[in-house]
Amino acid sequence: MEKKYPIPPFTLETALEKIQLAEDAWNSQDPERVSKAYTIDSEWRNRSEFINGREEIVTFLTRKWKKERNYKLKKEYWAHTENRIAVRFEYEYQNEQGKWFRAYGNENWEFNENGLMKRRFASINDLEIQEKDRKFKDL
């Protein structure tokens, strides 16, 4: 059986570890690597899109990172329970026209007993910024 450590029930320490692992994976911009943290039939709501399963996750992330260049993400602990973690995040990216943006949002994650995320609900807002106002140049 496939497992992704740390597994529930989460402590503050293991929730923080899970968040850092997710941040590292997303900053790799490797859709296959990111998808391995999710169940085969994972359910996502990302903005107004509904995504189901690893194949759709890979397709979504491939498309995302073609449009969102120079992507840098920072996740922050918000709360956790036995098998759920809530995070706030912000990330910066440059669009295809060269304009910079910072996206702000919240995610609610639910994990199965093997530590794979089975549900991810994300609410995200984008704000255009000037390059001089970037926060994540050195990540």
N, C-alpha and C. Protein backbone atom coordinates (compact mmCIF):
# COMPACT_ATOMS: atom_id res chain seq x y z
N MET A 1 0.84 -1.18 0.00
CA MET A 1 0.00 0.00 0.00
C MET A 1 0.88 1.25 0.00
N GLU A 2 0.60 2.15 -0.90
CA GLU A 2 1.35 3.40 -1.04
C GLU A 2 1.16 4.29 0.20
N LYS A 3 2.27 4.82 0.73
CA LYS A 3 2.22 5.71 1.90
C LYS A 3 3.05 6.95 1.62
N LYS A 4 2.61 8.07 2.20
CA LYS A 4 3.32 9.34 2.06
C LYS A 4 3.46 9.93 3.47
N TYR A 5 4.66 9.81 4.02
CA TYR A 5 4.91 10.27 5.39
C TYR A 5 5.11 11.77 5.44
N PRO A 6 4.76 12.36 6.57
CA PRO A 6 4.14 11.78 7.76
C PRO A 6 2.66 11.43 7.51
N ILE A 7 2.17 10.47 8.29
CA ILE A 7 0.79 10.01 8.14
C ILE A 7 -0.03 10.47 9.35
N PRO A 8 -1.36 10.58 9.18
CA PRO A 8 -2.22 10.95 10.31
C PRO A 8 -2.23 9.85 11.37
N PRO A 9 -2.57 10.20 12.60
CA PRO A 9 -3.01 11.52 13.06
C PRO A 9 -1.83 12.49 13.18
N PHE A 10 -2.08 13.75 12.80
CA PHE A 10 -1.03 14.75 12.80
C PHE A 10 -0.85 15.40 14.17
N THR A 11 0.40 15.68 14.48
CA THR A 11 0.75 16.54 15.60
C THR A 11 1.13 17.89 14.98
N LEU A 12 1.38 18.88 15.78
CA LEU A 12 1.85 20.15 15.23
C LEU A 12 3.13 19.93 14.44
N GLU A 13 4.04 19.15 14.99
CA GLU A 13 5.32 18.89 14.32
C GLU A 13 5.13 18.19 12.97
N THR A 14 4.29 17.17 12.90
CA THR A 14 4.12 16.46 11.64
C THR A 14 3.28 17.26 10.64
N ALA A 15 2.36 18.10 11.13
CA ALA A 15 1.61 18.98 10.23
C ALA A 15 2.57 19.98 9.58
N LEU A 16 3.48 20.55 10.37
CA LEU A 16 4.47 21.48 9.82
C LEU A 16 5.37 20.78 8.81
N GLU A 17 5.74 19.54 9.09
CA GLU A 17 6.57 18.78 8.16
C GLU A 17 5.81 18.54 6.84
N LYS A 18 4.54 18.17 6.94
CA LYS A 18 3.72 17.92 5.74
C LYS A 18 3.61 19.19 4.89
N ILE A 19 3.45 20.33 5.55
CA ILE A 19 3.36 21.60 4.84
C ILE A 19 4.66 21.91 4.11
N GLN A 20 5.79 21.70 4.78
CA GLN A 20 7.08 21.98 4.15
C GLN A 20 7.33 21.05 2.96
N LEU A 21 6.96 19.80 3.09
CA LEU A 21 7.10 18.86 1.98
C LEU A 21 6.25 19.30 0.78
N ALA A 22 5.04 19.78 1.05
CA ALA A 22 4.18 20.26 -0.03
C ALA A 22 4.78 21.50 -0.68
N GLU A 23 5.25 22.43 0.12
CA GLU A 23 5.87 23.64 -0.43
C GLU A 23 7.06 23.28 -1.32
N ASP A 24 7.91 22.40 -0.84
CA ASP A 24 9.08 21.99 -1.62
C ASP A 24 8.67 21.35 -2.95
N ALA A 25 7.67 20.49 -2.90
CA ALA A 25 7.21 19.81 -4.12
C ALA A 25 6.65 20.83 -5.12
N TRP A 26 5.79 21.72 -4.67
CA TRP A 26 5.21 22.71 -5.58
C TRP A 26 6.28 23.63 -6.14
N ASN A 27 7.27 24.01 -5.34
CA ASN A 27 8.34 24.87 -5.85
C ASN A 27 9.24 24.15 -6.86
N SER A 28 9.20 22.84 -6.88
CA SER A 28 9.96 22.10 -7.89
C SER A 28 9.35 22.28 -9.29
N GLN A 29 8.07 22.64 -9.33
CA GLN A 29 7.31 22.78 -10.58
C GLN A 29 7.35 21.50 -11.40
N ASP A 30 7.36 20.38 -10.72
CA ASP A 30 7.35 19.06 -11.35
C ASP A 30 5.97 18.43 -11.12
N PRO A 31 5.08 18.49 -12.11
CA PRO A 31 3.72 17.99 -11.92
C PRO A 31 3.65 16.54 -11.46
N GLU A 32 4.53 15.68 -11.97
CA GLU A 32 4.53 14.28 -11.56
C GLU A 32 4.88 14.14 -10.08
N ARG A 33 5.91 14.85 -9.66
CA ARG A 33 6.32 14.81 -8.24
C ARG A 33 5.18 15.28 -7.34
N VAL A 34 4.57 16.40 -7.69
CA VAL A 34 3.47 16.93 -6.88
C VAL A 34 2.32 15.93 -6.82
N SER A 35 1.98 15.34 -7.94
CA SER A 35 0.82 14.44 -8.00
C SER A 35 0.96 13.23 -7.09
N LYS A 36 2.19 12.82 -6.80
CA LYS A 36 2.42 11.63 -5.97
C LYS A 36 1.99 11.81 -4.51
N ALA A 37 1.72 13.06 -4.10
CA ALA A 37 1.26 13.31 -2.73
C ALA A 37 -0.25 13.10 -2.59
N TYR A 38 -0.93 12.85 -3.71
CA TYR A 38 -2.39 12.77 -3.72
C TYR A 38 -2.85 11.35 -4.02
N THR A 39 -4.05 11.03 -3.56
CA THR A 39 -4.63 9.73 -3.89
C THR A 39 -4.92 9.67 -5.38
N ILE A 40 -5.03 8.47 -5.90
CA ILE A 40 -5.33 8.26 -7.32
C ILE A 40 -6.62 8.98 -7.71
N ASP A 41 -7.59 9.02 -6.79
CA ASP A 41 -8.90 9.63 -7.07
C ASP A 41 -9.10 10.95 -6.31
N SER A 42 -8.02 11.63 -6.00
CA SER A 42 -8.08 12.89 -5.25
C SER A 42 -9.05 13.88 -5.87
N GLU A 43 -9.72 14.65 -5.00
CA GLU A 43 -10.66 15.69 -5.43
C GLU A 43 -10.07 17.05 -5.10
N TRP A 44 -10.07 17.94 -6.09
CA TRP A 44 -9.60 19.31 -5.90
C TRP A 44 -10.69 20.29 -6.30
N ARG A 45 -10.69 21.41 -5.60
CA ARG A 45 -11.31 22.62 -6.12
C ARG A 45 -10.21 23.65 -6.08
N ASN A 46 -9.85 24.15 -7.24
CA ASN A 46 -8.79 25.15 -7.36
C ASN A 46 -9.40 26.35 -8.07
N ARG A 47 -9.64 27.41 -7.34
CA ARG A 47 -10.37 28.57 -7.87
C ARG A 47 -11.73 28.07 -8.33
N SER A 48 -12.03 28.17 -9.62
CA SER A 48 -13.32 27.71 -10.12
C SER A 48 -13.22 26.37 -10.85
N GLU A 49 -12.07 25.72 -10.79
CA GLU A 49 -11.88 24.44 -11.47
C GLU A 49 -12.05 23.27 -10.50
N PHE A 50 -12.62 22.21 -11.00
CA PHE A 50 -12.75 20.97 -10.24
C PHE A 50 -11.90 19.92 -10.94
N ILE A 51 -10.98 19.33 -10.19
CA ILE A 51 -9.98 18.42 -10.73
C ILE A 51 -10.10 17.10 -9.97
N ASN A 52 -10.08 16.01 -10.70
CA ASN A 52 -10.24 14.69 -10.08
C ASN A 52 -9.16 13.74 -10.55
N GLY A 53 -8.38 13.26 -9.59
CA GLY A 53 -7.38 12.24 -9.87
C GLY A 53 -6.03 12.77 -10.30
N ARG A 54 -5.04 11.91 -10.18
CA ARG A 54 -3.66 12.29 -10.48
C ARG A 54 -3.44 12.74 -11.91
N GLU A 55 -4.08 12.06 -12.85
CA GLU A 55 -3.88 12.45 -14.26
C GLU A 55 -4.33 13.88 -14.50
N GLU A 56 -5.48 14.24 -13.95
CA GLU A 56 -5.96 15.61 -14.12
C GLU A 56 -5.09 16.60 -13.35
N ILE A 57 -4.53 16.18 -12.21
CA ILE A 57 -3.62 17.04 -11.46
C ILE A 57 -2.39 17.36 -12.31
N VAL A 58 -1.81 16.34 -12.93
CA VAL A 58 -0.63 16.54 -13.77
C VAL A 58 -0.96 17.48 -14.94
N THR A 59 -2.10 17.26 -15.58
CA THR A 59 -2.51 18.12 -16.70
C THR A 59 -2.70 19.56 -16.23
N PHE A 60 -3.38 19.73 -15.12
CA PHE A 60 -3.62 21.07 -14.57
C PHE A 60 -2.30 21.77 -14.24
N LEU A 61 -1.41 21.09 -13.53
CA LEU A 61 -0.16 21.72 -13.11
C LEU A 61 0.76 22.01 -14.30
N THR A 62 0.77 21.14 -15.30
CA THR A 62 1.56 21.38 -16.50
C THR A 62 1.09 22.67 -17.17
N ARG A 63 -0.22 22.82 -17.30
CA ARG A 63 -0.80 24.02 -17.90
C ARG A 63 -0.52 25.26 -17.03
N LYS A 64 -0.67 25.10 -15.73
CA LYS A 64 -0.44 26.21 -14.78
C LYS A 64 0.97 26.76 -14.92
N TRP A 65 1.97 25.89 -14.87
CA TRP A 65 3.35 26.36 -14.85
C TRP A 65 3.86 26.78 -16.23
N LYS A 66 3.13 26.51 -17.27
CA LYS A 66 3.46 27.11 -18.58
C LYS A 66 3.05 28.57 -18.58
N LYS A 67 1.95 28.89 -17.88
CA LYS A 67 1.45 30.27 -17.82
C LYS A 67 2.07 31.06 -16.68
N GLU A 68 2.39 30.40 -15.58
CA GLU A 68 2.92 31.07 -14.39
C GLU A 68 4.41 30.80 -14.29
N ARG A 69 5.19 31.70 -14.87
CA ARG A 69 6.64 31.53 -14.94
C ARG A 69 7.30 32.10 -13.68
N ASN A 70 8.52 31.62 -13.41
CA ASN A 70 9.29 32.09 -12.24
C ASN A 70 8.49 31.97 -10.95
N TYR A 71 7.78 30.87 -10.84
CA TYR A 71 6.87 30.58 -9.73
C TYR A 71 7.65 30.33 -8.44
N LYS A 72 7.27 31.03 -7.37
CA LYS A 72 7.85 30.82 -6.03
C LYS A 72 6.71 30.87 -5.02
N LEU A 73 6.63 29.85 -4.17
CA LEU A 73 5.52 29.66 -3.25
C LEU A 73 6.00 29.58 -1.81
N LYS A 74 5.21 30.14 -0.89
CA LYS A 74 5.46 30.00 0.55
C LYS A 74 4.14 29.63 1.21
N LYS A 75 4.13 28.48 1.91
CA LYS A 75 2.95 28.03 2.65
C LYS A 75 3.16 28.27 4.15
N GLU A 76 2.07 28.51 4.86
CA GLU A 76 2.14 28.80 6.29
C GLU A 76 1.04 28.04 7.03
N TYR A 77 1.42 27.41 8.11
CA TYR A 77 0.47 26.67 8.95
C TYR A 77 -0.66 27.57 9.43
N TRP A 78 -1.88 27.04 9.40
CA TRP A 78 -3.02 27.75 9.95
C TRP A 78 -3.65 26.93 11.08
N ALA A 79 -3.94 25.65 10.81
CA ALA A 79 -4.56 24.78 11.82
C ALA A 79 -4.47 23.33 11.36
N HIS A 80 -4.74 22.41 12.30
CA HIS A 80 -4.81 21.00 11.91
C HIS A 80 -5.70 20.22 12.88
N THR A 81 -6.18 19.08 12.41
CA THR A 81 -6.86 18.09 13.24
C THR A 81 -6.18 16.77 12.96
N GLU A 82 -6.80 15.67 13.32
CA GLU A 82 -6.16 14.36 13.13
C GLU A 82 -5.74 14.10 11.69
N ASN A 83 -6.62 14.34 10.72
CA ASN A 83 -6.28 14.04 9.33
C ASN A 83 -6.50 15.22 8.38
N ARG A 84 -6.57 16.42 8.94
CA ARG A 84 -6.78 17.61 8.12
C ARG A 84 -5.76 18.69 8.49
N ILE A 85 -5.37 19.46 7.48
CA ILE A 85 -4.46 20.59 7.68
C ILE A 85 -5.00 21.77 6.88
N ALA A 86 -4.97 22.95 7.49
CA ALA A 86 -5.34 24.19 6.81
C ALA A 86 -4.09 25.05 6.70
N VAL A 87 -3.87 25.62 5.52
CA VAL A 87 -2.72 26.50 5.31
C VAL A 87 -3.19 27.78 4.63
N ARG A 88 -2.40 28.82 4.86
CA ARG A 88 -2.51 30.03 4.04
C ARG A 88 -1.25 30.05 3.20
N PHE A 89 -1.31 30.67 2.06
CA PHE A 89 -0.13 30.69 1.21
C PHE A 89 -0.11 31.96 0.39
N GLU A 90 1.04 32.23 -0.14
CA GLU A 90 1.20 33.26 -1.16
C GLU A 90 2.28 32.79 -2.11
N TYR A 91 2.11 33.15 -3.36
CA TYR A 91 3.14 32.83 -4.34
C TYR A 91 3.22 33.94 -5.35
N GLU A 92 4.37 34.02 -5.98
CA GLU A 92 4.60 35.01 -7.02
C GLU A 92 4.90 34.31 -8.33
N TYR A 93 4.50 34.96 -9.40
CA TYR A 93 4.78 34.42 -10.72
C TYR A 93 4.75 35.56 -11.73
N GLN A 94 5.29 35.26 -12.88
CA GLN A 94 5.32 36.19 -14.00
C GLN A 94 4.47 35.59 -15.11
N ASN A 95 3.55 36.37 -15.65
CA ASN A 95 2.70 35.83 -16.71
C ASN A 95 3.43 35.85 -18.05
N GLU A 96 2.77 35.36 -19.07
CA GLU A 96 3.39 35.25 -20.40
C GLU A 96 3.74 36.60 -21.00
N GLN A 97 3.09 37.68 -20.52
CA GLN A 97 3.38 39.03 -21.01
C GLN A 97 4.48 39.72 -20.18
N GLY A 98 4.99 39.02 -19.16
CA GLY A 98 6.07 39.56 -18.34
C GLY A 98 5.63 40.33 -17.11
N LYS A 99 4.32 40.41 -16.85
CA LYS A 99 3.83 41.10 -15.66
C LYS A 99 3.95 40.18 -14.45
N TRP A 100 4.24 40.78 -13.30
CA TRP A 100 4.38 40.03 -12.04
C TRP A 100 3.09 40.07 -11.25
N PHE A 101 2.82 38.95 -10.57
CA PHE A 101 1.63 38.82 -9.73
C PHE A 101 2.02 38.14 -8.42
N ARG A 102 1.25 38.44 -7.38
CA ARG A 102 1.32 37.69 -6.13
C ARG A 102 -0.08 37.14 -5.90
N ALA A 103 -0.15 35.85 -5.66
CA ALA A 103 -1.42 35.18 -5.39
C ALA A 103 -1.48 34.88 -3.89
N TYR A 104 -2.63 35.15 -3.30
CA TYR A 104 -2.87 34.87 -1.89
C TYR A 104 -3.99 33.86 -1.78
N GLY A 105 -3.90 32.97 -0.80
CA GLY A 105 -4.99 32.02 -0.68
C GLY A 105 -4.94 31.16 0.57
N ASN A 106 -5.95 30.32 0.65
CA ASN A 106 -6.11 29.35 1.73
C ASN A 106 -6.39 28.00 1.11
N GLU A 107 -5.88 26.97 1.74
CA GLU A 107 -6.16 25.60 1.31
C GLU A 107 -6.59 24.78 2.52
N ASN A 108 -7.54 23.91 2.27
CA ASN A 108 -7.95 22.91 3.26
C ASN A 108 -7.64 21.55 2.68
N TRP A 109 -6.88 20.77 3.45
CA TRP A 109 -6.42 19.46 3.00
C TRP A 109 -7.00 18.37 3.88
N GLU A 110 -7.40 17.27 3.26
CA GLU A 110 -7.84 16.08 3.99
C GLU A 110 -7.04 14.88 3.49
N PHE A 111 -6.50 14.11 4.42
CA PHE A 111 -5.62 12.99 4.10
C PHE A 111 -6.27 11.66 4.44
N ASN A 112 -5.88 10.61 3.68
CA ASN A 112 -6.30 9.26 4.05
C ASN A 112 -5.33 8.70 5.11
N GLU A 113 -5.59 7.50 5.52
CA GLU A 113 -4.78 6.89 6.60
C GLU A 113 -3.33 6.63 6.20
N ASN A 114 -3.04 6.67 4.89
CA ASN A 114 -1.67 6.45 4.41
C ASN A 114 -0.92 7.75 4.12
N GLY A 115 -1.51 8.88 4.50
CA GLY A 115 -0.83 10.16 4.34
C GLY A 115 -0.95 10.78 2.97
N LEU A 116 -1.77 10.20 2.10
CA LEU A 116 -2.01 10.78 0.78
C LEU A 116 -3.20 11.74 0.87
N MET A 117 -3.08 12.87 0.21
CA MET A 117 -4.15 13.86 0.26
C MET A 117 -5.30 13.41 -0.65
N LYS A 118 -6.48 13.31 -0.05
CA LYS A 118 -7.63 12.89 -0.85
C LYS A 118 -8.53 14.06 -1.24
N ARG A 119 -8.42 15.17 -0.52
CA ARG A 119 -9.20 16.37 -0.88
C ARG A 119 -8.34 17.61 -0.66
N ARG A 120 -8.44 18.53 -1.63
CA ARG A 120 -7.74 19.82 -1.56
C ARG A 120 -8.69 20.88 -2.08
N PHE A 121 -9.02 21.82 -1.22
CA PHE A 121 -9.90 22.92 -1.60
C PHE A 121 -9.11 24.22 -1.47
N ALA A 122 -8.95 24.94 -2.58
CA ALA A 122 -8.13 26.15 -2.60
C ALA A 122 -8.96 27.35 -3.05
N SER A 123 -8.82 28.43 -2.29
CA SER A 123 -9.39 29.73 -2.65
C SER A 123 -8.22 30.68 -2.87
N ILE A 124 -8.18 31.33 -4.04
CA ILE A 124 -6.99 32.08 -4.43
C ILE A 124 -7.40 33.41 -5.07
N ASN A 125 -6.65 34.46 -4.73
CA ASN A 125 -6.81 35.78 -5.34
C ASN A 125 -5.47 36.25 -5.85
N ASP A 126 -5.46 36.91 -7.01
CA ASP A 126 -4.22 37.41 -7.60
C ASP A 126 -4.19 38.94 -7.53
N LEU A 127 -2.99 39.45 -7.32
CA LEU A 127 -2.76 40.88 -7.28
C LEU A 127 -1.56 41.19 -8.16
N GLU A 128 -1.73 42.08 -9.14
CA GLU A 128 -0.58 42.48 -9.96
C GLU A 128 0.37 43.30 -9.10
N ILE A 129 1.67 43.02 -9.22
CA ILE A 129 2.69 43.74 -8.46
C ILE A 129 3.79 44.21 -9.41
N GLN A 130 4.60 45.12 -8.94
CA GLN A 130 5.78 45.56 -9.68
C GLN A 130 6.92 44.62 -9.31
N GLU A 131 7.83 44.42 -10.24
CA GLU A 131 8.97 43.53 -9.97
C GLU A 131 9.72 43.96 -8.72
N LYS A 132 9.85 45.26 -8.47
CA LYS A 132 10.57 45.76 -7.29
C LYS A 132 9.87 45.38 -5.98
N ASP A 133 8.60 45.01 -6.04
CA ASP A 133 7.83 44.66 -4.84
C ASP A 133 7.80 43.16 -4.56
N ARG A 134 8.54 42.37 -5.34
CA ARG A 134 8.56 40.92 -5.12
C ARG A 134 9.15 40.60 -3.75
N LYS A 135 8.58 39.59 -3.10
CA LYS A 135 9.05 39.15 -1.79
C LYS A 135 9.89 37.88 -1.87
N PHE A 136 9.73 37.09 -2.91
CA PHE A 136 10.30 35.75 -2.96
C PHE A 136 11.42 35.61 -4.00
N LYS A 137 12.19 36.62 -4.19
CA LYS A 137 13.28 36.58 -5.18
C LYS A 137 14.32 35.52 -4.84
N ASP A 138 14.57 35.31 -3.57
CA ASP A 138 15.67 34.45 -3.14
C ASP A 138 15.24 33.07 -2.67
N LEU A 139 14.00 32.68 -2.89
CA LEU A 139 13.57 31.34 -2.46
C LEU A 139 14.13 30.28 -3.36
